[in-house]
């Protein structure tokens, strides 16, 4: 049975005045699987020693491990057909972005009466934060990859000048882990030819795609 006929929606908005790129993420879950998925999210956070995971608070190895394990879990559930995630990202400086930011500012975190809403909204929030970050820091992430890669000597001048913060490095590792996971599972997600994370046009257009990431334009 299609998810939309038997599931719950858990939404999260990420972005503030200091963020150029904002994102809305929606996690769609089968009603019968909601309690199990919510409990698993809580278990993953507990094992990492994290009470709650917010992208804006991801600044240490503990939060990074929690985020990486949540992404692994989410992709497994997507492949099993029990979870679907849709993310829309936009430039807050654009006309469309200004209207979207005003509309969503009052609904950050979403609203769901389900008892597992908090845990699953954190999962949606992780995707919103990750996608927004990939757009905000695309160039820095690319430079970090070159700096930490096996051919870093080829970019010695650039490497010497580029010193990302500890917080950025923790988040870069989450982003790289996510892209590696998607590549290993054959999911059409990349940052090639885009401003940040994006799925293929075919995935964006398909309501049955387990993960859709799209960029809103004016």
Protein backbone atom coordinates (compact mmCIF):
# COMPACT_ATOMS: atom_id res chain seq x y z
CA UNK A 1 0.00 0.00 0.00
CA UNK A 2 1.43 3.44 -0.87
CA UNK A 3 2.81 5.32 2.09
CA UNK A 4 0.55 8.30 1.58
CA UNK A 5 -2.52 6.18 2.24
CA UNK A 6 -1.38 4.69 5.53
CA UNK A 7 1.32 6.85 7.05
CA UNK A 8 2.33 9.80 9.13
CA UNK A 9 4.29 12.86 8.05
CA UNK A 10 7.07 14.32 10.18
CA UNK A 11 8.39 17.68 8.99
CA UNK A 12 11.29 19.92 9.88
CA UNK A 13 12.49 23.33 8.67
CA UNK A 14 16.14 24.37 8.88
CA UNK A 15 17.45 27.87 8.38
CA UNK A 16 17.92 31.14 10.18
CA UNK A 17 18.98 34.70 9.45
CA UNK A 18 22.62 33.59 9.14
CA UNK A 19 21.77 30.89 6.57
CA UNK A 20 21.47 31.74 2.89
CA UNK A 21 20.02 28.33 2.01
CA UNK A 22 16.99 27.04 3.91
CA UNK A 23 15.47 23.59 3.64
CA UNK A 24 12.25 21.80 4.47
CA UNK A 25 12.37 18.04 4.96
CA UNK A 26 9.46 15.66 5.31
CA UNK A 27 9.76 12.07 6.47
CA UNK A 28 6.87 9.84 5.42
CA UNK A 29 6.40 6.62 7.40
CA UNK A 30 4.00 3.68 7.26
CA UNK A 31 1.59 3.86 10.18
CA UNK A 32 2.43 0.28 11.14
CA UNK A 33 6.18 1.08 11.26
CA UNK A 34 6.04 4.42 13.02
CA UNK A 35 6.56 3.13 16.56
CA UNK A 36 9.41 0.83 15.51
CA UNK A 37 11.22 3.56 13.57
CA UNK A 38 10.74 6.07 16.37
CA UNK A 39 12.11 3.61 18.93
CA UNK A 40 15.13 2.85 16.75
CA UNK A 41 15.94 6.55 16.39
CA UNK A 42 15.83 6.89 20.17
CA UNK A 43 18.08 3.83 20.59
CA UNK A 44 20.65 5.19 18.15
CA UNK A 45 20.75 8.51 19.97
CA UNK A 46 21.04 6.77 23.34
CA UNK A 47 23.91 4.59 22.15
CA UNK A 48 25.75 7.69 20.98
CA UNK A 49 25.09 9.43 24.28
CA UNK A 50 22.98 12.13 22.62
CA UNK A 51 19.62 13.11 24.09
CA UNK A 52 18.52 15.06 21.02
CA UNK A 53 20.17 15.69 17.68
CA UNK A 54 19.92 19.07 16.00
CA UNK A 55 22.07 19.96 13.03
CA UNK A 56 22.85 23.36 14.54
CA UNK A 57 24.29 21.55 17.60
CA UNK A 58 26.41 19.05 15.62
CA UNK A 59 29.87 20.10 16.74
CA UNK A 60 31.60 16.99 18.15
CA UNK A 61 32.39 13.37 17.38
CA UNK A 62 29.47 12.21 19.53
CA UNK A 63 26.88 14.07 17.47
CA UNK A 64 28.69 13.04 14.27
CA UNK A 65 28.49 9.35 15.15
CA UNK A 66 24.79 9.73 15.96
CA UNK A 67 24.13 11.50 12.64
CA UNK A 68 26.06 8.92 10.63
CA UNK A 69 24.24 6.00 12.26
CA UNK A 70 20.87 7.70 11.75
CA UNK A 71 21.63 8.17 8.06
CA UNK A 72 22.64 4.51 7.74
CA UNK A 73 19.38 3.51 9.40
CA UNK A 74 17.33 5.88 7.23
CA UNK A 75 18.79 4.55 3.98
CA UNK A 76 18.14 0.96 5.05
CA UNK A 77 14.51 1.80 5.74
CA UNK A 78 14.23 3.61 2.42
CA UNK A 79 15.45 0.51 0.61
CA UNK A 80 12.93 -1.56 2.57
CA UNK A 81 10.12 0.75 1.47
CA UNK A 82 9.13 1.84 4.99
CA UNK A 83 10.49 5.38 4.86
CA UNK A 84 10.42 8.14 2.29
CA UNK A 85 12.12 11.52 2.64
CA UNK A 86 11.57 14.64 0.58
CA UNK A 87 13.73 17.75 0.94
CA UNK A 88 13.22 21.13 -0.72
CA UNK A 89 15.99 23.73 -0.48
CA UNK A 90 15.91 27.34 -1.59
CA UNK A 91 17.96 30.52 -1.63
CA UNK A 92 16.56 32.79 1.08
CA UNK A 93 17.88 35.83 -0.81
CA UNK A 94 15.59 35.16 -3.75
CA UNK A 95 12.02 36.40 -4.02
CA UNK A 96 10.72 32.86 -3.70
CA UNK A 97 13.03 32.25 -0.76
CA UNK A 98 11.81 35.27 1.18
CA UNK A 99 8.20 34.13 0.86
CA UNK A 100 9.05 30.53 1.76
CA UNK A 101 11.09 31.56 4.80
CA UNK A 102 8.29 33.75 6.12
CA UNK A 103 5.78 30.96 5.59
CA UNK A 104 7.83 28.27 7.30
CA UNK A 105 9.40 30.22 10.15
CA UNK A 106 6.38 29.64 12.38
CA UNK A 107 6.27 25.88 11.71
CA UNK A 108 9.86 24.84 12.36
CA UNK A 109 9.96 21.27 13.63
CA UNK A 110 6.59 20.37 12.17
CA UNK A 111 3.59 19.19 14.14
CA UNK A 112 2.35 15.63 14.60
CA UNK A 113 0.20 14.14 17.36
CA UNK A 114 2.00 10.78 17.22
CA UNK A 115 3.97 9.87 20.36
CA UNK A 116 7.10 9.19 18.29
CA UNK A 117 6.87 12.57 16.57
CA UNK A 118 9.87 14.06 18.37
CA UNK A 119 12.23 11.23 17.36
CA UNK A 120 11.12 11.13 13.74
CA UNK A 121 11.12 14.91 13.42
CA UNK A 122 14.77 14.76 14.46
CA UNK A 123 15.36 12.40 11.54
CA UNK A 124 13.65 14.85 9.18
CA UNK A 125 15.64 17.66 10.77
CA UNK A 126 18.89 15.83 10.10
CA UNK A 127 18.10 15.71 6.38
CA UNK A 128 17.03 19.37 6.33
CA UNK A 129 20.22 20.47 8.07
CA UNK A 130 22.48 18.26 5.97
CA UNK A 131 21.04 19.45 2.67
CA UNK A 132 21.10 23.11 3.70
CA UNK A 133 24.73 22.73 4.83
CA UNK A 134 25.73 21.11 1.54
CA UNK A 135 24.60 24.28 -0.26
CA UNK A 136 26.05 26.71 2.27
CA UNK A 137 29.47 25.03 2.32
CA UNK A 138 29.79 23.43 -1.09
CA UNK A 139 33.07 25.14 -2.00
CA UNK A 140 34.57 24.60 1.46
CA UNK A 141 33.57 20.95 1.36
CA UNK A 142 35.24 20.49 -2.03
CA UNK A 143 38.41 22.14 -0.71
CA UNK A 144 38.34 19.92 2.39
CA UNK A 145 38.04 16.81 0.22
CA UNK A 146 41.10 17.87 -1.76
CA UNK A 147 42.94 18.69 1.45
CA UNK A 148 42.19 15.31 3.02
CA UNK A 149 42.47 13.21 -0.14
CA UNK A 150 45.43 11.17 -1.41
CA UNK A 151 46.32 13.85 -3.99
CA UNK A 152 46.40 16.75 -1.54
CA UNK A 153 50.01 17.56 -2.56
CA UNK A 154 48.70 18.70 -5.94
CA UNK A 155 46.81 21.49 -4.16
CA UNK A 156 49.54 22.44 -1.68
CA UNK A 157 48.99 26.22 -1.97
CA UNK A 158 45.24 25.91 -1.52
CA UNK A 159 45.67 23.42 1.34
CA UNK A 160 47.99 25.77 3.18
CA UNK A 161 45.42 28.56 3.05
CA UNK A 162 42.33 26.48 3.87
CA UNK A 163 41.77 25.82 7.56
CA UNK A 164 38.17 24.75 8.24
CA UNK A 165 36.79 24.96 11.74
CA UNK A 166 36.44 21.86 13.91
CA UNK A 167 32.66 22.13 13.63
CA UNK A 168 32.84 22.24 9.83
CA UNK A 169 35.12 19.20 9.75
CA UNK A 170 32.66 17.19 11.84
CA UNK A 171 29.86 18.14 9.44
CA UNK A 172 31.99 17.53 6.35
CA UNK A 173 32.52 13.98 7.59
CA UNK A 174 28.78 13.45 7.92
CA UNK A 175 28.22 14.78 4.40
CA UNK A 176 30.94 12.56 2.94
CA UNK A 177 29.59 9.54 4.80
CA UNK A 178 26.12 10.17 3.42
CA UNK A 179 27.39 10.46 -0.15
CA UNK A 180 29.43 7.28 0.28
CA UNK A 181 26.36 5.44 1.58
CA UNK A 182 24.25 6.64 -1.34
CA UNK A 183 26.94 5.60 -3.82
CA UNK A 184 27.30 2.15 -2.26
CA UNK A 185 23.53 1.62 -2.45
CA UNK A 186 23.17 2.90 -6.00
CA UNK A 187 21.04 5.89 -5.01
CA UNK A 188 21.03 8.79 -7.49
CA UNK A 189 22.31 11.40 -5.04
CA UNK A 190 25.33 13.60 -5.67
CA UNK A 191 26.71 17.14 -5.62
CA UNK A 192 28.05 16.96 -9.16
CA UNK A 193 26.67 19.71 -11.37
CA UNK A 194 24.58 21.14 -8.52
CA UNK A 195 24.96 23.77 -5.82
CA UNK A 196 24.65 21.09 -3.17
CA UNK A 197 23.04 17.70 -2.57
CA UNK A 198 20.51 16.76 -5.23
CA UNK A 199 18.77 13.70 -6.60
CA UNK A 200 18.38 13.05 -10.30
CA UNK A 201 15.50 14.80 -12.14
CA UNK A 202 13.80 11.43 -12.59
CA UNK A 203 13.91 10.80 -8.84
CA UNK A 204 12.53 14.27 -8.10
CA UNK A 205 9.61 13.71 -10.45
CA UNK A 206 8.75 10.26 -9.08
CA UNK A 207 6.38 10.11 -6.11
CA UNK A 208 7.62 6.59 -5.43
CA UNK A 209 11.28 7.58 -5.06
CA UNK A 210 12.48 6.91 -1.48
CA UNK A 211 14.55 10.11 -1.42
CA UNK A 212 13.90 13.32 -3.32
CA UNK A 213 16.01 16.46 -2.98
CA UNK A 214 15.10 19.45 -5.10
CA UNK A 215 16.15 23.08 -5.36
CA UNK A 216 13.38 25.67 -5.62
CA UNK A 217 13.93 28.40 -8.17
CA UNK A 218 12.08 31.65 -8.85
